[in-house]
Amino acid sequence: MPSVGTVQIYDPATSTFIDHPDSDKDNSIVDLDGPFVYFLSTVNVDRLESTFRITPLARTIPPTEASCELLILRPLRDPSILWDHTQAREAFVPKLWNVMGNAYRDGQHVNLRYNGGGDIVSDGDGPTVLEYFRCGGWEWIPVSYNTSPISLALALSKLT
């Protein structure tokens, strides 16, 4: 059973949710900086269309307590993108389509990783392309940056 008060993140290597390394019972808030390309929160569904299983773990690994599923895609996790600029955004578009296309493949997008060159692969041990969180709620906090006004901070917390 998950620890009460912690944010969990899906680990494709073990096919389980684990406690997020920045969250514990004494401090359950996890801050995430943008930019964000995709952000989705669901509570009780695994799909938005009959074949678009965007949060498949809501059904295959059901939560043991009240929680929501958060699916987040942040392009700066891609090792081939060093900073947010127009060319990087344009280069990321095919990767976004690849990820979303895998949601139509029975939710396989949750297992995608980056290799060292930033290519999206279905195996390996690089960073996950998507961050799949399970938590009790979230709060969107706009942050003003001179260089990137679309950057935001996100605070995740588990209901206790």
N, C-alpha and C. Protein backbone atom coordinates (compact mmCIF):
# COMPACT_ATOMS: atom_id res chain seq x y z
N MET A 1 0.85 -1.18 0.00
CA MET A 1 0.00 0.00 0.00
C MET A 1 0.89 1.24 0.00
N PRO A 2 0.53 2.27 -0.80
CA PRO A 2 1.35 3.46 -0.85
C PRO A 2 1.35 4.19 0.48
N SER A 3 2.45 4.89 0.73
CA SER A 3 2.56 5.68 1.94
C SER A 3 1.55 6.82 1.89
N VAL A 4 0.85 7.05 2.98
CA VAL A 4 -0.11 8.14 3.03
C VAL A 4 0.66 9.45 3.02
N GLY A 5 0.21 10.38 2.19
CA GLY A 5 0.83 11.69 2.14
C GLY A 5 1.93 11.85 1.13
N THR A 6 2.22 10.85 0.32
CA THR A 6 3.29 11.00 -0.67
C THR A 6 2.71 11.03 -2.07
N VAL A 7 3.42 11.72 -2.94
CA VAL A 7 3.11 11.73 -4.36
C VAL A 7 3.80 10.51 -4.96
N GLN A 8 3.12 9.83 -5.86
CA GLN A 8 3.72 8.67 -6.50
C GLN A 8 3.92 8.93 -7.98
N ILE A 9 4.91 8.27 -8.56
CA ILE A 9 5.21 8.38 -9.98
C ILE A 9 5.38 6.97 -10.53
N TYR A 10 4.91 6.76 -11.74
CA TYR A 10 5.01 5.45 -12.37
C TYR A 10 6.44 5.17 -12.80
N ASP A 11 6.92 3.98 -12.50
CA ASP A 11 8.24 3.52 -12.89
C ASP A 11 8.08 2.38 -13.89
N PRO A 12 8.30 2.64 -15.20
CA PRO A 12 8.12 1.58 -16.18
C PRO A 12 9.08 0.41 -16.01
N ALA A 13 10.21 0.62 -15.35
CA ALA A 13 11.17 -0.48 -15.15
C ALA A 13 10.59 -1.56 -14.25
N THR A 14 9.76 -1.16 -13.29
CA THR A 14 9.15 -2.13 -12.37
C THR A 14 7.66 -2.30 -12.60
N SER A 15 7.10 -1.49 -13.50
CA SER A 15 5.65 -1.49 -13.78
C SER A 15 4.83 -1.24 -12.52
N THR A 16 5.32 -0.33 -11.67
CA THR A 16 4.62 0.01 -10.44
C THR A 16 4.73 1.51 -10.19
N PHE A 17 3.87 1.99 -9.31
CA PHE A 17 4.00 3.35 -8.82
C PHE A 17 4.95 3.31 -7.63
N ILE A 18 5.86 4.28 -7.58
CA ILE A 18 6.79 4.40 -6.46
C ILE A 18 6.64 5.79 -5.88
N ASP A 19 7.06 5.97 -4.64
CA ASP A 19 7.03 7.30 -4.05
C ASP A 19 7.99 8.20 -4.82
N HIS A 20 7.53 9.39 -5.14
CA HIS A 20 8.39 10.35 -5.84
C HIS A 20 9.55 10.71 -4.91
N PRO A 21 10.77 10.80 -5.42
CA PRO A 21 11.91 11.06 -4.56
C PRO A 21 11.85 12.40 -3.82
N ASP A 22 11.05 13.35 -4.32
CA ASP A 22 10.93 14.65 -3.65
C ASP A 22 9.74 14.72 -2.70
N SER A 23 9.08 13.60 -2.46
CA SER A 23 7.88 13.60 -1.63
C SER A 23 8.01 12.58 -0.51
N ASP A 24 7.67 12.99 0.69
CA ASP A 24 7.61 12.06 1.81
C ASP A 24 6.49 12.49 2.74
N LYS A 25 6.27 11.74 3.80
CA LYS A 25 5.12 12.03 4.67
C LYS A 25 5.24 13.37 5.37
N ASP A 26 6.45 13.90 5.50
CA ASP A 26 6.63 15.20 6.14
C ASP A 26 6.51 16.37 5.16
N ASN A 27 6.79 16.12 3.89
CA ASN A 27 6.69 17.16 2.86
C ASN A 27 6.20 16.50 1.57
N SER A 28 4.90 16.59 1.34
CA SER A 28 4.32 15.88 0.19
C SER A 28 4.25 16.72 -1.07
N ILE A 29 4.81 17.91 -1.06
CA ILE A 29 4.71 18.77 -2.24
C ILE A 29 5.88 18.52 -3.18
N VAL A 30 5.56 18.36 -4.45
CA VAL A 30 6.55 18.21 -5.51
C VAL A 30 6.35 19.38 -6.46
N ASP A 31 7.38 20.17 -6.68
CA ASP A 31 7.31 21.30 -7.61
C ASP A 31 7.87 20.87 -8.96
N LEU A 32 7.16 21.23 -10.01
CA LEU A 32 7.60 20.94 -11.37
C LEU A 32 7.64 22.23 -12.16
N ASP A 33 8.74 22.46 -12.84
CA ASP A 33 8.86 23.65 -13.68
C ASP A 33 8.58 23.29 -15.13
N GLY A 34 7.99 24.23 -15.86
CA GLY A 34 7.69 24.05 -17.26
C GLY A 34 8.87 24.40 -18.12
N PRO A 35 8.64 24.48 -19.39
CA PRO A 35 7.33 24.51 -20.03
C PRO A 35 6.70 23.12 -20.12
N PHE A 36 5.38 23.13 -20.25
CA PHE A 36 4.60 21.91 -20.38
C PHE A 36 4.00 21.86 -21.79
N VAL A 37 4.11 20.70 -22.44
CA VAL A 37 3.49 20.52 -23.74
C VAL A 37 2.14 19.84 -23.58
N TYR A 38 2.05 18.97 -22.59
CA TYR A 38 0.80 18.23 -22.36
C TYR A 38 0.63 18.05 -20.87
N PHE A 39 -0.58 18.31 -20.39
CA PHE A 39 -0.90 18.15 -18.98
C PHE A 39 -2.35 17.69 -18.92
N LEU A 40 -2.57 16.53 -18.31
CA LEU A 40 -3.92 15.99 -18.22
C LEU A 40 -4.12 15.40 -16.84
N SER A 41 -5.27 15.66 -16.26
CA SER A 41 -5.64 15.09 -14.98
C SER A 41 -6.95 14.35 -15.14
N THR A 42 -6.99 13.09 -14.67
CA THR A 42 -8.23 12.33 -14.67
C THR A 42 -8.44 11.75 -13.27
N VAL A 43 -9.68 11.43 -12.99
CA VAL A 43 -9.99 10.87 -11.67
C VAL A 43 -10.46 9.44 -11.76
N ASN A 44 -11.32 9.13 -12.69
CA ASN A 44 -11.92 7.79 -12.68
C ASN A 44 -12.04 7.16 -14.06
N VAL A 45 -11.23 7.59 -15.01
CA VAL A 45 -11.28 7.01 -16.35
C VAL A 45 -9.87 6.69 -16.82
N ASP A 46 -9.77 5.74 -17.73
CA ASP A 46 -8.46 5.42 -18.30
C ASP A 46 -8.34 5.88 -19.74
N ARG A 47 -9.45 6.33 -20.33
CA ARG A 47 -9.44 6.72 -21.75
C ARG A 47 -10.34 7.92 -21.96
N LEU A 48 -10.02 8.66 -23.02
CA LEU A 48 -10.86 9.79 -23.41
C LEU A 48 -11.69 9.46 -24.64
N GLU A 49 -11.25 8.45 -25.39
CA GLU A 49 -11.98 7.89 -26.51
C GLU A 49 -11.88 6.38 -26.36
N SER A 50 -12.65 5.64 -27.13
CA SER A 50 -12.67 4.19 -26.95
C SER A 50 -11.29 3.55 -27.10
N THR A 51 -10.43 4.07 -27.99
CA THR A 51 -9.10 3.49 -28.16
C THR A 51 -7.97 4.40 -27.69
N PHE A 52 -8.30 5.56 -27.15
CA PHE A 52 -7.29 6.51 -26.67
C PHE A 52 -7.14 6.35 -25.16
N ARG A 53 -6.27 5.40 -24.76
CA ARG A 53 -6.07 5.08 -23.34
C ARG A 53 -4.98 5.98 -22.78
N ILE A 54 -5.35 7.19 -22.46
CA ILE A 54 -4.38 8.20 -22.05
C ILE A 54 -3.86 7.97 -20.63
N THR A 55 -4.68 7.50 -19.72
CA THR A 55 -4.23 7.16 -18.36
C THR A 55 -4.56 5.69 -18.09
N PRO A 56 -3.88 4.78 -18.77
CA PRO A 56 -4.23 3.36 -18.70
C PRO A 56 -4.02 2.74 -17.32
N LEU A 57 -3.16 3.33 -16.51
CA LEU A 57 -2.87 2.72 -15.21
C LEU A 57 -3.99 2.90 -14.20
N ALA A 58 -4.94 3.79 -14.50
CA ALA A 58 -6.10 3.93 -13.64
C ALA A 58 -6.89 2.63 -13.58
N ARG A 59 -6.80 1.84 -14.65
CA ARG A 59 -7.50 0.56 -14.69
C ARG A 59 -6.57 -0.62 -14.42
N THR A 60 -5.36 -0.59 -14.97
CA THR A 60 -4.48 -1.76 -14.82
C THR A 60 -3.77 -1.80 -13.47
N ILE A 61 -3.53 -0.64 -12.86
CA ILE A 61 -2.99 -0.56 -11.49
C ILE A 61 -3.90 0.38 -10.72
N PRO A 62 -5.07 -0.09 -10.31
CA PRO A 62 -6.04 0.82 -9.69
C PRO A 62 -5.51 1.40 -8.38
N PRO A 63 -5.86 2.66 -8.10
CA PRO A 63 -5.41 3.27 -6.86
C PRO A 63 -6.06 2.59 -5.65
N THR A 64 -5.37 2.65 -4.53
CA THR A 64 -5.90 2.05 -3.30
C THR A 64 -6.59 3.07 -2.42
N GLU A 65 -6.52 4.34 -2.79
CA GLU A 65 -7.18 5.40 -2.05
C GLU A 65 -7.59 6.50 -3.02
N ALA A 66 -8.36 7.47 -2.54
CA ALA A 66 -8.81 8.56 -3.40
C ALA A 66 -7.60 9.29 -3.98
N SER A 67 -7.56 9.39 -5.29
CA SER A 67 -6.44 10.05 -5.94
C SER A 67 -6.81 10.43 -7.36
N CYS A 68 -5.91 11.16 -8.01
CA CYS A 68 -6.09 11.46 -9.42
C CYS A 68 -4.82 11.07 -10.17
N GLU A 69 -4.98 10.86 -11.45
CA GLU A 69 -3.87 10.50 -12.32
C GLU A 69 -3.46 11.78 -13.06
N LEU A 70 -2.18 12.09 -13.08
CA LEU A 70 -1.67 13.23 -13.82
C LEU A 70 -0.68 12.74 -14.86
N LEU A 71 -0.87 13.16 -16.07
CA LEU A 71 0.04 12.80 -17.15
C LEU A 71 0.65 14.10 -17.67
N ILE A 72 1.98 14.18 -17.61
CA ILE A 72 2.67 15.43 -17.93
C ILE A 72 3.79 15.16 -18.92
N LEU A 73 3.86 16.00 -19.94
CA LEU A 73 4.93 15.93 -20.93
C LEU A 73 5.65 17.28 -20.93
N ARG A 74 6.91 17.23 -20.51
CA ARG A 74 7.74 18.43 -20.46
C ARG A 74 8.91 18.24 -21.43
N PRO A 75 8.96 19.03 -22.49
CA PRO A 75 9.98 18.81 -23.51
C PRO A 75 11.41 19.00 -23.02
N LEU A 76 11.64 19.76 -21.99
CA LEU A 76 13.01 19.95 -21.52
C LEU A 76 13.58 18.72 -20.82
N ARG A 77 12.78 17.66 -20.66
CA ARG A 77 13.30 16.38 -20.17
C ARG A 77 14.03 15.63 -21.30
N ASP A 78 13.78 16.03 -22.53
CA ASP A 78 14.42 15.44 -23.70
C ASP A 78 15.90 15.82 -23.70
N PRO A 79 16.81 14.85 -23.66
CA PRO A 79 18.24 15.18 -23.60
C PRO A 79 18.77 15.93 -24.81
N SER A 80 18.02 15.94 -25.92
CA SER A 80 18.48 16.67 -27.10
C SER A 80 18.06 18.14 -27.09
N ILE A 81 17.23 18.53 -26.13
CA ILE A 81 16.78 19.92 -26.03
C ILE A 81 17.46 20.55 -24.83
N LEU A 82 18.28 21.54 -25.09
CA LEU A 82 19.05 22.16 -24.01
C LEU A 82 18.36 23.38 -23.42
N TRP A 83 17.52 24.06 -24.21
CA TRP A 83 16.77 25.20 -23.70
C TRP A 83 15.56 25.45 -24.59
N ASP A 84 14.62 26.21 -24.06
CA ASP A 84 13.36 26.48 -24.75
C ASP A 84 13.55 27.59 -25.79
N HIS A 85 13.47 27.22 -27.07
CA HIS A 85 13.55 28.20 -28.15
C HIS A 85 12.71 27.69 -29.32
N THR A 86 12.48 28.54 -30.29
CA THR A 86 11.57 28.23 -31.40
C THR A 86 11.96 26.95 -32.15
N GLN A 87 13.24 26.78 -32.45
CA GLN A 87 13.66 25.59 -33.21
C GLN A 87 13.45 24.32 -32.39
N ALA A 88 13.69 24.38 -31.09
CA ALA A 88 13.47 23.21 -30.24
C ALA A 88 11.99 22.86 -30.20
N ARG A 89 11.14 23.85 -30.13
CA ARG A 89 9.69 23.60 -30.12
C ARG A 89 9.26 22.92 -31.42
N GLU A 90 9.76 23.42 -32.53
CA GLU A 90 9.40 22.84 -33.84
C GLU A 90 9.92 21.40 -33.96
N ALA A 91 11.13 21.16 -33.46
CA ALA A 91 11.71 19.81 -33.53
C ALA A 91 10.97 18.84 -32.63
N PHE A 92 10.30 19.34 -31.60
CA PHE A 92 9.60 18.47 -30.66
C PHE A 92 8.24 18.00 -31.18
N VAL A 93 7.68 18.68 -32.16
CA VAL A 93 6.33 18.35 -32.66
C VAL A 93 6.21 16.89 -33.09
N PRO A 94 7.13 16.32 -33.90
CA PRO A 94 6.99 14.91 -34.28
C PRO A 94 7.07 13.97 -33.07
N LYS A 95 7.83 14.36 -32.07
CA LYS A 95 7.92 13.53 -30.86
C LYS A 95 6.59 13.54 -30.12
N LEU A 96 5.96 14.69 -30.07
CA LEU A 96 4.64 14.79 -29.43
C LEU A 96 3.64 13.90 -30.15
N TRP A 97 3.63 13.92 -31.48
CA TRP A 97 2.72 13.06 -32.24
C TRP A 97 3.02 11.58 -32.00
N ASN A 98 4.29 11.24 -31.87
CA ASN A 98 4.69 9.87 -31.58
C ASN A 98 4.11 9.42 -30.23
N VAL A 99 4.26 10.25 -29.24
CA VAL A 99 3.77 9.92 -27.89
C VAL A 99 2.26 9.77 -27.90
N MET A 100 1.55 10.74 -28.46
CA MET A 100 0.10 10.69 -28.47
C MET A 100 -0.41 9.52 -29.31
N GLY A 101 0.31 9.19 -30.38
CA GLY A 101 -0.07 8.02 -31.18
C GLY A 101 0.03 6.74 -30.38
N ASN A 102 1.00 6.66 -29.48
CA ASN A 102 1.15 5.47 -28.64
C ASN A 102 0.05 5.35 -27.59
N ALA A 103 -0.65 6.43 -27.30
CA ALA A 103 -1.81 6.34 -26.42
C ALA A 103 -2.91 5.51 -27.08
N TYR A 104 -2.96 5.54 -28.41
CA TYR A 104 -3.91 4.74 -29.17
C TYR A 104 -3.47 3.29 -29.29
N ARG A 105 -2.29 2.97 -28.85
CA ARG A 105 -1.78 1.59 -28.89
C ARG A 105 -1.89 0.98 -27.49
N ASP A 106 -3.09 1.00 -26.97
CA ASP A 106 -3.41 0.43 -25.66
C ASP A 106 -2.61 1.08 -24.54
N GLY A 107 -2.35 2.36 -24.67
CA GLY A 107 -1.70 3.10 -23.59
C GLY A 107 -0.20 2.87 -23.48
N GLN A 108 0.46 2.52 -24.57
CA GLN A 108 1.89 2.23 -24.53
C GLN A 108 2.76 3.47 -24.33
N HIS A 109 2.19 4.66 -24.45
CA HIS A 109 2.96 5.88 -24.28
C HIS A 109 3.56 6.02 -22.89
N VAL A 110 2.97 5.37 -21.90
CA VAL A 110 3.47 5.50 -20.52
C VAL A 110 4.79 4.78 -20.31
N ASN A 111 5.18 3.93 -21.24
CA ASN A 111 6.43 3.18 -21.12
C ASN A 111 7.56 3.74 -21.98
N LEU A 112 7.31 4.82 -22.71
CA LEU A 112 8.32 5.38 -23.60
C LEU A 112 9.42 6.08 -22.82
N ARG A 113 10.66 5.98 -23.37
CA ARG A 113 11.82 6.62 -22.75
C ARG A 113 12.63 7.33 -23.82
N TYR A 114 13.50 8.21 -23.37
CA TYR A 114 14.47 8.83 -24.27
C TYR A 114 15.76 8.04 -24.21
N ASN A 115 16.41 7.89 -25.37
CA ASN A 115 17.77 7.37 -25.33
C ASN A 115 18.72 8.56 -25.19
N GLY A 116 20.01 8.32 -25.17
CA GLY A 116 20.98 9.39 -24.94
C GLY A 116 20.94 10.51 -25.96
N GLY A 117 20.49 10.21 -27.19
CA GLY A 117 20.42 11.22 -28.23
C GLY A 117 19.08 11.93 -28.31
N GLY A 118 18.15 11.56 -27.42
CA GLY A 118 16.84 12.20 -27.42
C GLY A 118 15.81 11.50 -28.29
N ASP A 119 16.17 10.34 -28.87
CA ASP A 119 15.18 9.58 -29.62
C ASP A 119 14.24 8.88 -28.65
N ILE A 120 12.99 8.73 -29.05
CA ILE A 120 12.00 8.05 -28.21
C ILE A 120 12.07 6.56 -28.51
N VAL A 121 12.24 5.76 -27.45
CA VAL A 121 12.35 4.31 -27.58
C VAL A 121 11.38 3.64 -26.61
N SER A 122 11.07 2.39 -26.89
CA SER A 122 10.12 1.67 -26.03
C SER A 122 10.82 0.83 -24.96
N ASP A 123 12.14 0.86 -24.95
CA ASP A 123 12.87 0.14 -23.91
C ASP A 123 14.10 0.98 -23.53
N GLY A 124 14.90 0.47 -22.65
CA GLY A 124 16.08 1.21 -22.22
C GLY A 124 15.89 1.75 -20.82
N ASP A 125 16.87 2.53 -20.40
CA ASP A 125 16.82 3.03 -19.03
C ASP A 125 16.96 4.55 -18.96
N GLY A 126 16.73 5.23 -20.08
CA GLY A 126 16.78 6.69 -20.10
C GLY A 126 15.58 7.28 -19.38
N PRO A 127 15.51 8.62 -19.33
CA PRO A 127 14.37 9.26 -18.67
C PRO A 127 13.07 8.95 -19.39
N THR A 128 12.00 8.86 -18.62
CA THR A 128 10.69 8.62 -19.22
C THR A 128 10.27 9.86 -20.00
N VAL A 129 9.59 9.65 -21.09
CA VAL A 129 9.10 10.75 -21.90
C VAL A 129 7.96 11.45 -21.16
N LEU A 130 7.06 10.66 -20.64
CA LEU A 130 5.93 11.18 -19.86
C LEU A 130 6.18 10.96 -18.38
N GLU A 131 5.69 11.89 -17.59
CA GLU A 131 5.68 11.69 -16.15
C GLU A 131 4.23 11.35 -15.79
N TYR A 132 4.06 10.20 -15.17
CA TYR A 132 2.71 9.73 -14.81
C TYR A 132 2.65 9.72 -13.29
N PHE A 133 1.92 10.69 -12.75
CA PHE A 133 1.82 10.85 -11.30
C PHE A 133 0.49 10.32 -10.79
N ARG A 134 0.50 9.90 -9.56
CA ARG A 134 -0.72 9.59 -8.82
C ARG A 134 -0.64 10.38 -7.52
N CYS A 135 -1.66 11.22 -7.30
CA CYS A 135 -1.64 12.08 -6.13
C CYS A 135 -3.08 12.44 -5.76
N GLY A 136 -3.22 13.12 -4.65
CA GLY A 136 -4.55 13.50 -4.17
C GLY A 136 -5.07 14.77 -4.79
N GLY A 137 -4.21 15.56 -5.39
CA GLY A 137 -4.63 16.81 -6.01
C GLY A 137 -3.42 17.57 -6.51
N TRP A 138 -3.70 18.68 -7.16
CA TRP A 138 -2.62 19.50 -7.70
C TRP A 138 -3.06 20.94 -7.73
N GLU A 139 -2.07 21.80 -7.80
CA GLU A 139 -2.32 23.23 -7.86
C GLU A 139 -1.41 23.83 -8.92
N TRP A 140 -2.00 24.59 -9.82
CA TRP A 140 -1.26 25.22 -10.91
C TRP A 140 -0.90 26.63 -10.44
N ILE A 141 0.39 26.92 -10.34
CA ILE A 141 0.84 28.21 -9.85
C ILE A 141 1.65 28.90 -10.95
N PRO A 142 1.10 29.95 -11.59
CA PRO A 142 1.85 30.66 -12.62
C PRO A 142 3.09 31.31 -12.03
N VAL A 143 4.19 31.22 -12.76
CA VAL A 143 5.44 31.83 -12.34
C VAL A 143 5.88 32.75 -13.46
N SER A 144 6.25 33.96 -13.13
CA SER A 144 6.67 34.93 -14.13
C SER A 144 8.18 34.85 -14.34
N TYR A 145 8.57 34.52 -15.56
CA TYR A 145 9.97 34.49 -15.95
C TYR A 145 10.16 35.49 -17.08
N ASN A 146 11.21 36.24 -17.04
CA ASN A 146 11.47 37.21 -18.11
C ASN A 146 11.72 36.52 -19.44
N THR A 147 12.33 35.34 -19.42
CA THR A 147 12.70 34.68 -20.67
C THR A 147 11.62 33.76 -21.21
N SER A 148 10.72 33.29 -20.39
CA SER A 148 9.71 32.35 -20.86
C SER A 148 8.43 32.50 -20.06
N PRO A 149 7.52 33.38 -20.49
CA PRO A 149 6.31 33.62 -19.73
C PRO A 149 5.37 32.41 -19.66
N ILE A 150 5.61 31.37 -20.47
CA ILE A 150 4.73 30.21 -20.40
C ILE A 150 5.17 29.20 -19.34
N SER A 151 6.33 29.42 -18.73
CA SER A 151 6.78 28.51 -17.69
C SER A 151 5.87 28.61 -16.49
N LEU A 152 5.59 27.47 -15.89
CA LEU A 152 4.71 27.40 -14.73
C LEU A 152 5.30 26.49 -13.69
N ALA A 153 4.87 26.64 -12.49
CA ALA A 153 5.25 25.70 -11.44
C ALA A 153 4.01 24.92 -11.07
N LEU A 154 4.19 23.70 -10.71
CA LEU A 154 3.09 22.82 -10.34
C LEU A 154 3.39 22.22 -9.00
N ALA A 155 2.45 22.27 -8.11
CA ALA A 155 2.62 21.65 -6.81
C ALA A 155 1.67 20.48 -6.73
N LEU A 156 2.19 19.32 -6.39
CA LEU A 156 1.40 18.11 -6.27
C LEU A 156 1.36 17.72 -4.81
N SER A 157 0.23 17.30 -4.34
CA SER A 157 0.17 16.83 -2.98
C SER A 157 -0.83 15.70 -2.85
N LYS A 158 -0.55 14.80 -1.94
CA LYS A 158 -1.40 13.64 -1.69
C LYS A 158 -2.39 14.01 -0.59
N LEU A 159 -3.65 13.67 -0.78
CA LEU A 159 -4.63 13.88 0.27
C LEU A 159 -4.32 12.97 1.44
N THR A 160 -4.47 13.46 2.63
CA THR A 160 -4.22 12.63 3.82
C THR A 160 -5.51 12.32 4.51
